[in-house]
PDB file of N, CA and C in Angstrom:
ATOM      1  N   MET A   1      18.762 -15.219  -4.393  1.00  0.00           N
ATOM      2  CA  MET A   1      18.285 -15.330  -5.740  1.00  0.00           C
ATOM      3  C   MET A   1      18.043 -16.777  -6.164  1.00  0.00           C
ATOM      4  N   VAL A   2      18.389 -17.734  -5.317  1.00  0.00           N
ATOM      5  CA  VAL A   2      18.157 -19.137  -5.642  1.00  0.00           C
ATOM      6  C   VAL A   2      16.674 -19.381  -5.812  1.00  0.00           C
ATOM      7  N   MET A   3      15.875 -18.796  -4.946  1.00  0.00           N
ATOM      8  CA  MET A   3      14.438 -19.011  -5.025  1.00  0.00           C
ATOM      9  C   MET A   3      13.905 -18.562  -6.388  1.00  0.00           C
ATOM     10  N   ARG A   4      14.406 -17.478  -6.884  1.00  0.00           N
ATOM     11  CA  ARG A   4      13.928 -16.955  -8.157  1.00  0.00           C
ATOM     12  C   ARG A   4      14.172 -17.956  -9.280  1.00  0.00           C
ATOM     13  N   ARG A   5      15.287 -18.678  -9.233  1.00  0.00           N
ATOM     14  CA  ARG A   5      15.580 -19.665 -10.269  1.00  0.00           C
ATOM     15  C   ARG A   5      14.773 -20.933 -10.078  1.00  0.00           C
ATOM     16  N   GLU A   6      14.559 -21.332  -8.847  1.00  0.00           N
ATOM     17  CA  GLU A   6      13.894 -22.600  -8.559  1.00  0.00           C
ATOM     18  C   GLU A   6      12.368 -22.494  -8.596  1.00  0.00           C
ATOM     19  N   VAL A   7      11.845 -21.499  -7.938  1.00  0.00           N
ATOM     20  CA  VAL A   7      10.395 -21.327  -7.840  1.00  0.00           C
ATOM     21  C   VAL A   7      10.066 -19.871  -8.174  1.00  0.00           C
ATOM     22  N   PRO A   8       9.364 -19.638  -9.265  1.00  0.00           N
ATOM     23  CA  PRO A   8       9.029 -18.246  -9.577  1.00  0.00           C
ATOM     24  C   PRO A   8       8.090 -17.675  -8.519  1.00  0.00           C
ATOM     25  N   PRO A   9       8.312 -16.432  -8.120  1.00  0.00           N
ATOM     26  CA  PRO A   9       7.453 -15.843  -7.083  1.00  0.00           C
ATOM     27  C   PRO A   9       6.040 -15.612  -7.607  1.00  0.00           C
ATOM     28  N   ASP A  10       5.080 -15.770  -6.717  1.00  0.00           N
ATOM     29  CA  ASP A  10       3.689 -15.485  -7.056  1.00  0.00           C
ATOM     30  C   ASP A  10       3.234 -14.290  -6.223  1.00  0.00           C
ATOM     31  N   GLU A  11       1.950 -13.965  -6.294  1.00  0.00           N
ATOM     32  CA  GLU A  11       1.429 -12.804  -5.579  1.00  0.00           C
ATOM     33  C   GLU A  11       1.632 -12.919  -4.074  1.00  0.00           C
ATOM     34  N   THR A  12       1.445 -14.109  -3.522  1.00  0.00           N
ATOM     35  CA  THR A  12       1.595 -14.304  -2.084  1.00  0.00           C
ATOM     36  C   THR A  12       3.034 -14.052  -1.646  1.00  0.00           C
ATOM     37  N   THR A  13       3.982 -14.608  -2.389  1.00  0.00           N
ATOM     38  CA  THR A  13       5.395 -14.418  -2.074  1.00  0.00           C
ATOM     39  C   THR A  13       5.758 -12.943  -2.146  1.00  0.00           C
ATOM     40  N   LEU A  14       5.336 -12.277  -3.209  1.00  0.00           N
ATOM     41  CA  LEU A  14       5.676 -10.868  -3.391  1.00  0.00           C
ATOM     42  C   LEU A  14       5.041  -9.994  -2.314  1.00  0.00           C
ATOM     43  N   ALA A  15       3.798 -10.275  -1.955  1.00  0.00           N
ATOM     44  CA  ALA A  15       3.135  -9.496  -0.902  1.00  0.00           C
ATOM     45  C   ALA A  15       3.875  -9.651   0.419  1.00  0.00           C
ATOM     46  N   THR A  16       4.343 -10.863   0.714  1.00  0.00           N
ATOM     47  CA  THR A  16       5.085 -11.113   1.947  1.00  0.00           C
ATOM     48  C   THR A  16       6.416 -10.371   1.949  1.00  0.00           C
ATOM     49  N   VAL A  17       7.124 -10.403   0.822  1.00  0.00           N
ATOM     50  CA  VAL A  17       8.414  -9.709   0.714  1.00  0.00           C
ATOM     51  C   VAL A  17       8.212  -8.205   0.859  1.00  0.00           C
ATOM     52  N   VAL A  18       7.232  -7.656   0.178  1.00  0.00           N
ATOM     53  CA  VAL A  18       6.973  -6.213   0.255  1.00  0.00           C
ATOM     54  C   VAL A  18       6.612  -5.819   1.686  1.00  0.00           C
ATOM     55  N   SER A  19       5.765  -6.600   2.341  1.00  0.00           N
ATOM     56  CA  SER A  19       5.380  -6.300   3.721  1.00  0.00           C
ATOM     57  C   SER A  19       6.582  -6.317   4.652  1.00  0.00           C
ATOM     58  N   ALA A  20       7.432  -7.314   4.497  1.00  0.00           N
ATOM     59  CA  ALA A  20       8.619  -7.413   5.344  1.00  0.00           C
ATOM     60  C   ALA A  20       9.571  -6.245   5.101  1.00  0.00           C
ATOM     61  N   CYS A  21       9.792  -5.900   3.862  1.00  0.00           N
ATOM     62  CA  CYS A  21      10.726  -4.824   3.522  1.00  0.00           C
ATOM     63  C   CYS A  21      10.179  -3.445   3.866  1.00  0.00           C
ATOM     64  N   SER A  22       8.867  -3.300   3.887  1.00  0.00           N
ATOM     65  CA  SER A  22       8.294  -1.986   4.172  1.00  0.00           C
ATOM     66  C   SER A  22       8.624  -1.531   5.589  1.00  0.00           C
ATOM     67  N   LYS A  23       8.856  -2.475   6.470  1.00  0.00           N
ATOM     68  CA  LYS A  23       9.180  -2.138   7.857  1.00  0.00           C
ATOM     69  C   LYS A  23      10.509  -1.382   7.961  1.00  0.00           C
ATOM     70  N   LEU A  24      11.362  -1.509   6.948  1.00  0.00           N
ATOM     71  CA  LEU A  24      12.666  -0.843   6.963  1.00  0.00           C
ATOM     72  C   LEU A  24      12.563   0.631   6.588  1.00  0.00           C
ATOM     73  N   GLY A  25      11.530   1.014   5.839  1.00  0.00           N
ATOM     74  CA  GLY A  25      11.354   2.406   5.452  1.00  0.00           C
ATOM     75  C   GLY A  25      12.465   2.935   4.557  1.00  0.00           C
ATOM     76  N   ASP A  26      13.030   2.074   3.737  1.00  0.00           N
ATOM     77  CA  ASP A  26      14.161   2.435   2.872  1.00  0.00           C
ATOM     78  C   ASP A  26      13.658   2.715   1.453  1.00  0.00           C
ATOM     79  N   PRO A  27      13.690   3.986   1.003  1.00  0.00           N
ATOM     80  CA  PRO A  27      13.163   4.307  -0.332  1.00  0.00           C
ATOM     81  C   PRO A  27      13.908   3.607  -1.471  1.00  0.00           C
ATOM     82  N   GLU A  28      15.215   3.429  -1.341  1.00  0.00           N
ATOM     83  CA  GLU A  28      15.972   2.739  -2.392  1.00  0.00           C
ATOM     84  C   GLU A  28      15.549   1.277  -2.490  1.00  0.00           C
ATOM     85  N   LEU A  29      15.367   0.648  -1.354  1.00  0.00           N
ATOM     86  CA  LEU A  29      14.898  -0.738  -1.346  1.00  0.00           C
ATOM     87  C   LEU A  29      13.491  -0.826  -1.937  1.00  0.00           C
ATOM     88  N   ALA A  30      12.664   0.146  -1.631  1.00  0.00           N
ATOM     89  CA  ALA A  30      11.306   0.164  -2.175  1.00  0.00           C
ATOM     90  C   ALA A  30      11.336   0.202  -3.698  1.00  0.00           C
ATOM     91  N   GLU A  31      12.163   1.066  -4.254  1.00  0.00           N
ATOM     92  CA  GLU A  31      12.267   1.156  -5.714  1.00  0.00           C
ATOM     93  C   GLU A  31      12.829  -0.137  -6.310  1.00  0.00           C
ATOM     94  N   TRP A  32      13.784  -0.762  -5.628  1.00  0.00           N
ATOM     95  CA  TRP A  32      14.345  -2.023  -6.105  1.00  0.00           C
ATOM     96  C   TRP A  32      13.262  -3.104  -6.132  1.00  0.00           C
ATOM     97  N   ILE A  33      12.456  -3.158  -5.074  1.00  0.00           N
ATOM     98  CA  ILE A  33      11.393  -4.166  -4.993  1.00  0.00           C
ATOM     99  C   ILE A  33      10.377  -3.969  -6.114  1.00  0.00           C
ATOM    100  N   ILE A  34      10.008  -2.721  -6.374  1.00  0.00           N
ATOM    101  CA  ILE A  34       9.059  -2.443  -7.453  1.00  0.00           C
ATOM    102  C   ILE A  34       9.649  -2.918  -8.782  1.00  0.00           C
ATOM    103  N   GLY A  35      10.919  -2.645  -9.009  1.00  0.00           N
ATOM    104  CA  GLY A  35      11.585  -3.116 -10.230  1.00  0.00           C
ATOM    105  C   GLY A  35      11.629  -4.628 -10.306  1.00  0.00           C
ATOM    106  N   PHE A  36      11.882  -5.275  -9.170  1.00  0.00           N
ATOM    107  CA  PHE A  36      11.928  -6.737  -9.122  1.00  0.00           C
ATOM    108  C   PHE A  36      10.572  -7.332  -9.487  1.00  0.00           C
ATOM    109  N   ILE A  37       9.517  -6.743  -8.965  1.00  0.00           N
ATOM    110  CA  ILE A  37       8.168  -7.234  -9.272  1.00  0.00           C
ATOM    111  C   ILE A  37       7.902  -7.112 -10.773  1.00  0.00           C
ATOM    112  N   ASP A  38       8.325  -5.996 -11.351  1.00  0.00           N
ATOM    113  CA  ASP A  38       8.159  -5.823 -12.798  1.00  0.00           C
ATOM    114  C   ASP A  38       8.933  -6.886 -13.570  1.00  0.00           C
ATOM    115  N   GLN A  39      10.160  -7.197 -13.127  1.00  0.00           N
ATOM    116  CA  GLN A  39      10.988  -8.204 -13.790  1.00  0.00           C
ATOM    117  C   GLN A  39      10.386  -9.593 -13.698  1.00  0.00           C
ATOM    118  N   CYS A  40       9.695  -9.871 -12.610  1.00  0.00           N
ATOM    119  CA  CYS A  40       9.110 -11.202 -12.410  1.00  0.00           C
ATOM    120  C   CYS A  40       7.970 -11.479 -13.380  1.00  0.00           C
ATOM    121  N   GLY A  41       7.420 -10.431 -13.937  1.00  0.00           N
ATOM    122  CA  GLY A  41       6.319 -10.623 -14.869  1.00  0.00           C
ATOM    123  C   GLY A  41       4.989 -10.876 -14.191  1.00  0.00           C
ATOM    124  N   VAL A  42       4.932 -10.701 -12.882  1.00  0.00           N
ATOM    125  CA  VAL A  42       3.684 -10.890 -12.148  1.00  0.00           C
ATOM    126  C   VAL A  42       2.925  -9.575 -12.188  1.00  0.00           C
ATOM    127  N   LYS A  43       1.679  -9.639 -12.579  1.00  0.00           N
ATOM    128  CA  LYS A  43       0.833  -8.453 -12.563  1.00  0.00           C
ATOM    129  C   LYS A  43       0.273  -8.302 -11.147  1.00  0.00           C
ATOM    130  N   PRO A  44       0.779  -7.320 -10.402  1.00  0.00           N
ATOM    131  CA  PRO A  44       0.332  -7.187  -9.011  1.00  0.00           C
ATOM    132  C   PRO A  44      -1.163  -6.886  -8.900  1.00  0.00           C
ATOM    133  N   ASN A  45      -1.823  -7.619  -8.040  1.00  0.00           N
ATOM    134  CA  ASN A  45      -3.229  -7.365  -7.747  1.00  0.00           C
ATOM    135  C   ASN A  45      -3.301  -6.548  -6.457  1.00  0.00           C
ATOM    136  N   CYS A  46      -4.488  -6.326  -5.931  1.00  0.00           N
ATOM    137  CA  CYS A  46      -4.614  -5.506  -4.718  1.00  0.00           C
ATOM    138  C   CYS A  46      -3.932  -6.172  -3.530  1.00  0.00           C
ATOM    139  N   PHE A  47      -3.796  -7.482  -3.564  1.00  0.00           N
ATOM    140  CA  PHE A  47      -3.121  -8.212  -2.496  1.00  0.00           C
ATOM    141  C   PHE A  47      -1.637  -7.839  -2.433  1.00  0.00           C
ATOM    142  N   VAL A  48      -1.033  -7.515  -3.563  1.00  0.00           N
ATOM    143  CA  VAL A  48       0.372  -7.092  -3.629  1.00  0.00           C
ATOM    144  C   VAL A  48       0.474  -5.570  -3.553  1.00  0.00           C
ATOM    145  N   LYS A  49      -0.447  -4.878  -4.180  1.00  0.00           N
ATOM    146  CA  LYS A  49      -0.359  -3.423  -4.240  1.00  0.00           C
ATOM    147  C   LYS A  49      -0.622  -2.746  -2.900  1.00  0.00           C
ATOM    148  N   THR A  50      -1.464  -3.326  -2.059  1.00  0.00           N
ATOM    149  CA  THR A  50      -1.725  -2.712  -0.759  1.00  0.00           C
ATOM    150  C   THR A  50      -0.462  -2.649   0.097  1.00  0.00           C
ATOM    151  N   PRO A  51       0.336  -3.731   0.214  1.00  0.00           N
ATOM    152  CA  PRO A  51       1.607  -3.584   0.929  1.00  0.00           C
ATOM    153  C   PRO A  51       2.575  -2.615   0.244  1.00  0.00           C
ATOM    154  N   MET A  52       2.461  -2.500  -1.087  1.00  0.00           N
ATOM    155  CA  MET A  52       3.303  -1.538  -1.798  1.00  0.00           C
ATOM    156  C   MET A  52       2.923  -0.109  -1.400  1.00  0.00           C
ATOM    157  N   ILE A  53       1.639   0.148  -1.238  1.00  0.00           N
ATOM    158  CA  ILE A  53       1.173   1.460  -0.777  1.00  0.00           C
ATOM    159  C   ILE A  53       1.751   1.742   0.599  1.00  0.00           C
ATOM    160  N   ASP A  54       1.647   0.767   1.483  1.00  0.00           N
ATOM    161  CA  ASP A  54       2.184   0.911   2.839  1.00  0.00           C
ATOM    162  C   ASP A  54       3.690   1.165   2.802  1.00  0.00           C
ATOM    163  N   MET A  55       4.392   0.456   1.927  1.00  0.00           N
ATOM    164  CA  MET A  55       5.836   0.609   1.809  1.00  0.00           C
ATOM    165  C   MET A  55       6.177   2.033   1.371  1.00  0.00           C
ATOM    166  N   TYR A  56       5.485   2.544   0.358  1.00  0.00           N
ATOM    167  CA  TYR A  56       5.743   3.914  -0.092  1.00  0.00           C
ATOM    168  C   TYR A  56       5.484   4.917   1.029  1.00  0.00           C
ATOM    169  N   CYS A  57       4.401   4.725   1.776  1.00  0.00           N
ATOM    170  CA  CYS A  57       4.083   5.642   2.873  1.00  0.00           C
ATOM    171  C   CYS A  57       5.168   5.611   3.946  1.00  0.00           C
ATOM    172  N   LYS A  58       5.623   4.427   4.293  1.00  0.00           N
ATOM    173  CA  LYS A  58       6.672   4.308   5.316  1.00  0.00           C
ATOM    174  C   LYS A  58       8.003   4.883   4.846  1.00  0.00           C
ATOM    175  N   CYS A  59       8.175   4.964   3.533  1.00  0.00           N
ATOM    176  CA  CYS A  59       9.395   5.561   2.967  1.00  0.00           C
ATOM    177  C   CYS A  59       9.241   7.063   2.775  1.00  0.00           C
ATOM    178  N   GLY A  60       8.084   7.604   3.164  1.00  0.00           N
ATOM    179  CA  GLY A  60       7.874   9.039   3.081  1.00  0.00           C
ATOM    180  C   GLY A  60       7.381   9.531   1.734  1.00  0.00           C
ATOM    181  N   SER A  61       6.863   8.636   0.914  1.00  0.00           N
ATOM    182  CA  SER A  61       6.386   9.030  -0.410  1.00  0.00           C
ATOM    183  C   SER A  61       4.876   8.813  -0.526  1.00  0.00           C
ATOM    184  N   LEU A  62       4.151   9.670   0.156  1.00  0.00           N
ATOM    185  CA  LEU A  62       2.696   9.585   0.143  1.00  0.00           C
ATOM    186  C   LEU A  62       2.143   9.827  -1.265  1.00  0.00           C
ATOM    187  N   GLU A  63       2.850  10.661  -2.049  1.00  0.00           N
ATOM    188  CA  GLU A  63       2.406  10.938  -3.419  1.00  0.00           C
ATOM    189  C   GLU A  63       2.449   9.675  -4.278  1.00  0.00           C
ATOM    190  N   LYS A  64       3.553   8.917  -4.196  1.00  0.00           N
ATOM    191  CA  LYS A  64       3.659   7.675  -4.975  1.00  0.00           C
ATOM    192  C   LYS A  64       2.624   6.663  -4.504  1.00  0.00           C
ATOM    193  N   ALA A  65       2.402   6.626  -3.201  1.00  0.00           N
ATOM    194  CA  ALA A  65       1.400   5.711  -2.655  1.00  0.00           C
ATOM    195  C   ALA A  65       0.020   6.049  -3.218  1.00  0.00           C
ATOM    196  N   ARG A  66      -0.296   7.331  -3.282  1.00  0.00           N
ATOM    197  CA  ARG A  66      -1.609   7.746  -3.790  1.00  0.00           C
ATOM    198  C   ARG A  66      -1.731   7.451  -5.280  1.00  0.00           C
ATOM    199  N   GLU A  67      -0.645   7.656  -6.031  1.00  0.00           N
ATOM    200  CA  GLU A  67      -0.676   7.325  -7.462  1.00  0.00           C
ATOM    201  C   GLU A  67      -0.976   5.847  -7.668  1.00  0.00           C
ATOM    202  N   LEU A  68      -0.316   5.004  -6.884  1.00  0.00           N
ATOM    203  CA  LEU A  68      -0.539   3.564  -6.978  1.00  0.00           C
ATOM    204  C   LEU A  68      -1.971   3.226  -6.580  1.00  0.00           C
ATOM    205  N   PHE A  69      -2.439   3.835  -5.493  1.00  0.00           N
ATOM    206  CA  PHE A  69      -3.803   3.614  -5.022  1.00  0.00           C
ATOM    207  C   PHE A  69      -4.821   4.012  -6.096  1.00  0.00           C
ATOM    208  N   ASP A  70      -4.641   5.198  -6.675  1.00  0.00           N
ATOM    209  CA  ASP A  70      -5.580   5.684  -7.689  1.00  0.00           C
ATOM    210  C   ASP A  70      -5.574   4.812  -8.943  1.00  0.00           C
ATOM    211  N   ALA A  71      -4.422   4.213  -9.252  1.00  0.00           N
ATOM    212  CA  ALA A  71      -4.301   3.384 -10.457  1.00  0.00           C
ATOM    213  C   ALA A  71      -4.863   1.975 -10.264  1.00  0.00           C
ATOM    214  N   MET A  72      -5.165   1.606  -9.035  1.00  0.00           N
ATOM    215  CA  MET A  72      -5.683   0.259  -8.778  1.00  0.00           C
ATOM    216  C   MET A  72      -7.093   0.107  -9.354  1.00  0.00           C
ATOM    217  N   ASN A  73      -7.279  -0.945 -10.140  1.00  0.00           N
ATOM    218  CA  ASN A  73      -8.607  -1.219 -10.698  1.00  0.00           C
ATOM    219  C   ASN A  73      -9.562  -1.745  -9.641  1.00  0.00           C
ATOM    220  N   HIS A  74      -9.037  -2.566  -8.757  1.00  0.00           N
ATOM    221  CA  HIS A  74      -9.853  -3.144  -7.689  1.00  0.00           C
ATOM    222  C   HIS A  74      -9.214  -2.790  -6.351  1.00  0.00           C
ATOM    223  N   LYS A  75      -9.992  -2.196  -5.480  1.00  0.00           N
ATOM    224  CA  LYS A  75      -9.523  -1.861  -4.136  1.00  0.00           C
ATOM    225  C   LYS A  75     -10.373  -2.624  -3.134  1.00  0.00           C
ATOM    226  N   ASN A  76      -9.716  -3.238  -2.169  1.00  0.00           N
ATOM    227  CA  ASN A  76     -10.476  -3.890  -1.106  1.00  0.00           C
ATOM    228  C   ASN A  76     -10.440  -2.993   0.134  1.00  0.00           C
ATOM    229  N   SER A  77     -11.084  -3.418   1.201  1.00  0.00           N
ATOM    230  CA  SER A  77     -11.147  -2.571   2.398  1.00  0.00           C
ATOM    231  C   SER A  77      -9.756  -2.329   2.983  1.00  0.00           C
ATOM    232  N   PHE A  78      -8.834  -3.284   2.809  1.00  0.00           N
ATOM    233  CA  PHE A  78      -7.471  -3.088   3.298  1.00  0.00           C
ATOM    234  C   PHE A  78      -6.784  -1.948   2.546  1.00  0.00           C
ATOM    235  N   SER A  79      -7.020  -1.866   1.247  1.00  0.00           N
ATOM    236  CA  SER A  79      -6.415  -0.797   0.438  1.00  0.00           C
ATOM    237  C   SER A  79      -6.866   0.571   0.931  1.00  0.00           C
ATOM    238  N   TRP A  80      -8.173   0.717   1.090  1.00  0.00           N
ATOM    239  CA  TRP A  80      -8.721   1.995   1.557  1.00  0.00           C
ATOM    240  C   TRP A  80      -8.207   2.313   2.960  1.00  0.00           C
ATOM    241  N   ASN A  81      -8.259   1.312   3.838  1.00  0.00           N
ATOM    242  CA  ASN A  81      -7.903   1.542   5.235  1.00  0.00           C
ATOM    243  C   ASN A  81      -6.398   1.622   5.468  1.00  0.00           C
ATOM    244  N   ASP A  82      -5.609   1.356   4.448  1.00  0.00           N
ATOM    245  CA  ASP A  82      -4.170   1.563   4.555  1.00  0.00           C
ATOM    246  C   ASP A  82      -3.814   2.989   4.166  1.00  0.00           C
ATOM    247  N   MET A  83      -4.526   3.553   3.230  1.00  0.00           N
ATOM    248  CA  MET A  83      -4.221   4.887   2.721  1.00  0.00           C
ATOM    249  C   MET A  83      -4.700   5.984   3.673  1.00  0.00           C
ATOM    250  N   ILE A  84      -5.886   5.850   4.196  1.00  0.00           N
ATOM    251  CA  ILE A  84      -6.495   6.901   5.022  1.00  0.00           C
ATOM    252  C   ILE A  84      -5.646   7.269   6.242  1.00  0.00           C
ATOM    253  N   PRO A  85      -5.190   6.308   7.051  1.00  0.00           N
ATOM    254  CA  PRO A  85      -4.407   6.693   8.235  1.00  0.00           C
ATOM    255  C   PRO A  85      -3.116   7.436   7.908  1.00  0.00           C
ATOM    256  N   TRP A  86      -2.516   7.149   6.760  1.00  0.00           N
ATOM    257  CA  TRP A  86      -1.276   7.853   6.404  1.00  0.00           C
ATOM    258  C   TRP A  86      -1.547   9.325   6.155  1.00  0.00           C
ATOM    259  N   TYR A  87      -2.697   9.648   5.585  1.00  0.00           N
ATOM    260  CA  TYR A  87      -3.048  11.059   5.442  1.00  0.00           C
ATOM    261  C   TYR A  87      -3.250  11.689   6.820  1.00  0.00           C
ATOM    262  N   LEU A  88      -3.897  10.964   7.705  1.00  0.00           N
ATOM    263  CA  LEU A  88      -4.136  11.496   9.053  1.00  0.00           C
ATOM    264  C   LEU A  88      -2.827  11.695   9.812  1.00  0.00           C
ATOM    265  N   ILE A  89      -1.925  10.731   9.699  1.00  0.00           N
ATOM    266  CA  ILE A  89      -0.613  10.839  10.362  1.00  0.00           C
ATOM    267  C   ILE A  89       0.135  12.076   9.876  1.00  0.00           C
ATOM    268  N   ASN A  90      -0.024  12.381   8.591  1.00  0.00           N
ATOM    269  CA  ASN A  90       0.669  13.527   8.003  1.00  0.00           C
ATOM    270  C   ASN A  90      -0.144  14.821   8.101  1.00  0.00           C
ATOM    271  N   GLY A  91      -1.229  14.783   8.850  1.00  0.00           N
ATOM    272  CA  GLY A  91      -2.011  15.989   9.100  1.00  0.00           C
ATOM    273  C   GLY A  91      -2.869  16.451   7.945  1.00  0.00           C
ATOM    274  N   ASN A  92      -3.138  15.580   6.985  1.00  0.00           N
ATOM    275  CA  ASN A  92      -3.940  15.953   5.827  1.00  0.00           C
ATOM    276  C   ASN A  92      -5.352  15.381   5.989  1.00  0.00           C
ATOM    277  N   LEU A  93      -6.107  16.026   6.837  1.00  0.00           N
ATOM    278  CA  LEU A  93      -7.453  15.567   7.156  1.00  0.00           C
ATOM    279  C   LEU A  93      -8.378  15.648   5.936  1.00  0.00           C
ATOM    280  N   CYS A  94      -8.167  16.646   5.085  1.00  0.00           N
ATOM    281  CA  CYS A  94      -9.027  16.808   3.890  1.00  0.00           C
ATOM    282  C   CYS A  94      -8.903  15.618   2.946  1.00  0.00           C
ATOM    283  N   SER A  95      -7.672  15.169   2.672  1.00  0.00           N
ATOM    284  CA  SER A  95      -7.483  14.024   1.779  1.00  0.00           C
ATOM    285  C   SER A  95      -7.997  12.741   2.416  1.00  0.00           C
ATOM    286  N   ALA A  96      -7.812  12.613   3.733  1.00  0.00           N
ATOM    287  CA  ALA A  96      -8.335  11.434   4.429  1.00  0.00           C
ATOM    288  C   ALA A  96      -9.856  11.403   4.315  1.00  0.00           C
ATOM    289  N   ARG A  97     -10.480  12.548   4.530  1.00  0.00           N
ATOM    290  CA  ARG A  97     -11.943  12.632   4.452  1.00  0.00           C
ATOM    291  C   ARG A  97     -12.429  12.356   3.023  1.00  0.00           C
ATOM    292  N   GLU A  98     -11.690  12.870   2.039  1.00  0.00           N
ATOM    293  CA  GLU A  98     -12.048  12.633   0.636  1.00  0.00           C
ATOM    294  C   GLU A  98     -12.096  11.133   0.339  1.00  0.00           C
ATOM    295  N   LEU A  99     -11.055  10.405   0.763  1.00  0.00           N
ATOM    296  CA  LEU A  99     -11.040   8.955   0.540  1.00  0.00           C
ATOM    297  C   LEU A  99     -12.146   8.263   1.326  1.00  0.00           C
ATOM    298  N   PHE A 100     -12.320   8.679   2.566  1.00  0.00           N
ATOM    299  CA  PHE A 100     -13.364   8.090   3.411  1.00  0.00           C
ATOM    300  C   PHE A 100     -14.730   8.236   2.747  1.00  0.00           C
ATOM    301  N   ASP A 101     -15.000   9.408   2.204  1.00  0.00           N
ATOM    302  CA  ASP A 101     -16.293   9.647   1.546  1.00  0.00           C
ATOM    303  C   ASP A 101     -16.468   8.802   0.287  1.00  0.00           C
ATOM    304  N   LYS A 102     -15.368   8.467  -0.379  1.00  0.00           N
ATOM    305  CA  LYS A 102     -15.434   7.668  -1.605  1.00  0.00           C
ATOM    306  C   LYS A 102     -15.495   6.167  -1.348  1.00  0.00           C
ATOM    307  N   MET A 103     -15.194   5.742  -0.122  1.00  0.00           N
ATOM    308  CA  MET A 103     -15.175   4.302   0.183  1.00  0.00           C
ATOM    309  C   MET A 103     -16.540   3.673  -0.093  1.00  0.00           C
ATOM    310  N   PRO A 104     -16.547   2.562  -0.829  1.00  0.00           N
ATOM    311  CA  PRO A 104     -17.834   1.907  -1.091  1.00  0.00           C
ATOM    312  C   PRO A 104     -18.418   1.259   0.164  1.00  0.00           C
ATOM    313  N   ILE A 105     -17.551   0.725   1.022  1.00  0.00           N
ATOM    314  CA  ILE A 105     -18.000   0.088   2.262  1.00  0.00           C
ATOM    315  C   ILE A 105     -17.079   0.551   3.383  1.00  0.00           C
ATOM    316  N   ARG A 106     -17.663   1.095   4.420  1.00  0.00           N
ATOM    317  CA  ARG A 106     -16.873   1.545   5.572  1.00  0.00           C
ATOM    318  C   ARG A 106     -17.022   0.520   6.686  1.00  0.00           C
ATOM    319  N   ILE A 107     -15.874   0.095   7.206  1.00  0.00           N
ATOM    320  CA  ILE A 107     -15.896  -0.864   8.313  1.00  0.00           C
ATOM    321  C   ILE A 107     -15.454  -0.139   9.584  1.00  0.00           C
ATOM    322  N   VAL A 108     -15.443  -0.835  10.684  1.00  0.00           N
ATOM    323  CA  VAL A 108     -15.105  -0.232  11.974  1.00  0.00           C
ATOM    324  C   VAL A 108     -13.731   0.438  11.926  1.00  0.00           C
ATOM    325  N   VAL A 109     -12.777  -0.184  11.264  1.00  0.00           N
ATOM    326  CA  VAL A 109     -11.433   0.390  11.154  1.00  0.00           C
ATOM    327  C   VAL A 109     -11.486   1.752  10.472  1.00  0.00           C
ATOM    328  N   SER A 110     -12.297   1.873   9.455  1.00  0.00           N
ATOM    329  CA  SER A 110     -12.428   3.146   8.722  1.00  0.00           C
ATOM    330  C   SER A 110     -12.958   4.242   9.646  1.00  0.00           C
ATOM    331  N   TRP A 111     -14.005   3.907  10.353  1.00  0.00           N
ATOM    332  CA  TRP A 111     -14.598   4.897  11.268  1.00  0.00           C
ATOM    333  C   TRP A 111     -13.637   5.252  12.386  1.00  0.00           C
ATOM    334  N   ASN A 112     -12.964   4.262  12.953  1.00  0.00           N
ATOM    335  CA  ASN A 112     -12.013   4.526  14.040  1.00  0.00           C
ATOM    336  C   ASN A 112     -10.879   5.419  13.582  1.00  0.00           C
ATOM    337  N   SER A 113     -10.380   5.206  12.354  1.00  0.00           N
ATOM    338  CA  SER A 113      -9.316   6.044  11.817  1.00  0.00           C
ATOM    339  C   SER A 113      -9.766   7.498  11.728  1.00  0.00           C
ATOM    340  N   MET A 114     -10.966   7.699  11.210  1.00  0.00           N
ATOM    341  CA  MET A 114     -11.451   9.070  11.039  1.00  0.00           C
ATOM    342  C   MET A 114     -11.726   9.743  12.387  1.00  0.00           C
ATOM    343  N   VAL A 115     -12.309   9.010  13.316  1.00  0.00           N
ATOM    344  CA  VAL A 115     -12.560   9.570  14.644  1.00  0.00           C
ATOM    345  C   VAL A 115     -11.238   9.970  15.298  1.00  0.00           C
ATOM    346  N   ALA A 116     -10.242   9.097  15.212  1.00  0.00           N
ATOM    347  CA  ALA A 116      -8.926   9.405  15.773  1.00  0.00           C
ATOM    348  C   ALA A 116      -8.302  10.613  15.079  1.00  0.00           C
ATOM    349  N   GLY A 117      -8.494  10.723  13.774  1.00  0.00           N
ATOM    350  CA  GLY A 117      -7.954  11.859  13.027  1.00  0.00           C
ATOM    351  C   GLY A 117      -8.592  13.174  13.444  1.00  0.00           C
ATOM    352  N   TYR A 118      -9.891  13.151  13.664  1.00  0.00           N
ATOM    353  CA  TYR A 118     -10.569  14.375  14.099  1.00  0.00           C
ATOM    354  C   TYR A 118     -10.249  14.708  15.553  1.00  0.00           C
ATOM    355  N   ALA A 119      -9.996  13.686  16.338  1.00  0.00           N
ATOM    356  CA  ALA A 119      -9.678  13.920  17.766  1.00  0.00           C
ATOM    357  C   ALA A 119      -8.300  14.535  17.872  1.00  0.00           C
TER     358      ALA A 119
END
C-alpha cells in the first residue's frame, strides 16, 4: 500500500495489476481489485477494462465479463478478441458468432478464433 500513498495508480498501473492477478483465477481477488479501482477514482478505459474482462472469464464469471464488455463505450480489437474465445472455450458458439458479426473490424486473430471454434 506504500505505492498508493506515494504515487497514485494510473490506467497503466491498474491494467498491469489486473493482468497479473487474473492469472490466479481467484473470484474474491477479482472483486477486491474492482473495488480498489473504484476507490482510486480512476475511470477505467478499454485499456483497463479489457484485462478486467479476462480476469472475470478466468474466474468463471462469463456473465460479469459480458456485462462489463457491453457497458464499454469504446471497444478496441483486444476487447472483442478477448471476449470471443471465452465463449468458444465454454462451448457457446452462438454468442461467439454474435460478437464476431458485430465486430467493426475483424483481424486475423478474430478469424482464427472462429475457425478454431467451428473446428
